[in-house]
Amino acid sequence: MRFTPPDFQWVRLFSGEEGKLTQRGRMCHFEVPK
């Protein structure tokens, strides 16, 4: 699966937790709040 997320997008993990997917340049960083 390939997609182009905006500057920041909230996504729900299959585990049921929410993660913040941020796109910086050509690399994407996925953060999971604890």
N, C-alpha and C. Protein backbone atom coordinates (compact mmCIF):
# COMPACT_ATOMS: atom_id res chain seq x y z
N MET A 1 0.85 -1.21 0.00
CA MET A 1 0.00 0.00 0.00
C MET A 1 0.88 1.25 0.00
N ARG A 2 0.54 2.18 -0.87
CA ARG A 2 1.32 3.42 -0.94
C ARG A 2 0.38 4.62 -0.91
N PHE A 3 0.67 5.58 -0.06
CA PHE A 3 -0.19 6.76 0.03
C PHE A 3 0.65 7.98 0.40
N THR A 4 0.11 9.16 0.11
CA THR A 4 0.84 10.39 0.42
C THR A 4 0.08 11.18 1.47
N PRO A 5 0.45 11.04 2.73
CA PRO A 5 -0.21 11.75 3.82
C PRO A 5 0.15 13.23 3.82
N PRO A 6 -0.70 14.08 4.37
CA PRO A 6 -0.43 15.51 4.47
C PRO A 6 0.70 15.78 5.46
N ASP A 7 0.86 17.03 5.86
CA ASP A 7 1.92 17.38 6.81
C ASP A 7 1.80 16.52 8.07
N PHE A 8 0.57 16.32 8.51
CA PHE A 8 0.38 15.47 9.69
C PHE A 8 -1.00 14.81 9.59
N GLN A 9 -1.04 13.57 9.93
CA GLN A 9 -2.30 12.85 9.83
C GLN A 9 -2.43 11.87 11.00
N TRP A 10 -3.62 11.85 11.60
CA TRP A 10 -3.83 10.93 12.71
C TRP A 10 -4.34 9.61 12.16
N VAL A 11 -3.65 8.55 12.52
CA VAL A 11 -4.05 7.23 12.02
C VAL A 11 -4.29 6.30 13.19
N ARG A 12 -5.18 5.35 13.00
CA ARG A 12 -5.49 4.40 14.06
C ARG A 12 -4.79 3.08 13.77
N LEU A 13 -4.03 2.61 14.73
CA LEU A 13 -3.30 1.36 14.55
C LEU A 13 -4.23 0.18 14.71
N PHE A 14 -3.84 -0.92 14.08
CA PHE A 14 -4.67 -2.12 14.16
C PHE A 14 -4.79 -2.58 15.61
N SER A 15 -3.80 -2.19 16.43
CA SER A 15 -3.82 -2.57 17.84
C SER A 15 -4.88 -1.78 18.60
N GLY A 16 -5.37 -0.70 17.96
CA GLY A 16 -6.43 0.07 18.60
C GLY A 16 -5.90 1.38 19.15
N GLU A 17 -4.57 1.59 18.99
CA GLU A 17 -4.01 2.84 19.51
C GLU A 17 -3.89 3.86 18.39
N GLU A 18 -3.85 5.14 18.75
CA GLU A 18 -3.73 6.18 17.74
C GLU A 18 -2.28 6.61 17.59
N GLY A 19 -1.88 6.87 16.38
CA GLY A 19 -0.51 7.30 16.15
C GLY A 19 -0.50 8.54 15.28
N LYS A 20 0.54 9.31 15.40
CA LYS A 20 0.64 10.54 14.61
C LYS A 20 1.67 10.32 13.51
N LEU A 21 1.20 10.39 12.27
CA LEU A 21 2.10 10.18 11.13
C LEU A 21 2.47 11.53 10.53
N THR A 22 3.74 11.89 10.62
CA THR A 22 4.18 13.18 10.11
C THR A 22 5.12 12.97 8.93
N GLN A 23 4.99 13.82 7.94
CA GLN A 23 5.84 13.69 6.76
C GLN A 23 6.86 14.82 6.75
N ARG A 24 8.14 14.45 6.85
CA ARG A 24 9.19 15.47 6.83
C ARG A 24 10.03 15.26 5.58
N GLY A 25 9.85 16.14 4.61
CA GLY A 25 10.60 16.00 3.37
C GLY A 25 10.20 14.73 2.64
N ARG A 26 11.15 13.83 2.43
CA ARG A 26 10.86 12.59 1.72
C ARG A 26 10.76 11.43 2.70
N MET A 27 10.97 11.72 4.00
CA MET A 27 10.90 10.66 5.00
C MET A 27 9.68 10.84 5.88
N CYS A 28 9.10 9.73 6.33
CA CYS A 28 7.92 9.80 7.18
C CYS A 28 8.28 9.30 8.57
N HIS A 29 7.79 10.00 9.57
CA HIS A 29 8.07 9.61 10.95
C HIS A 29 6.77 9.24 11.64
N PHE A 30 6.74 8.07 12.24
CA PHE A 30 5.52 7.63 12.91
C PHE A 30 5.71 7.67 14.41
N GLU A 31 4.88 8.47 15.08
CA GLU A 31 4.99 8.58 16.53
C GLU A 31 3.79 7.96 17.22
N VAL A 32 4.05 7.26 18.31
CA VAL A 32 2.96 6.67 19.08
C VAL A 32 2.95 7.25 20.49
N PRO A 33 1.90 8.01 20.83
CA PRO A 33 1.81 8.62 22.16
C PRO A 33 1.75 7.57 23.24
N LYS A 34 2.47 7.81 24.34
CA LYS A 34 2.47 6.83 25.43
C LYS A 34 1.63 7.35 26.59
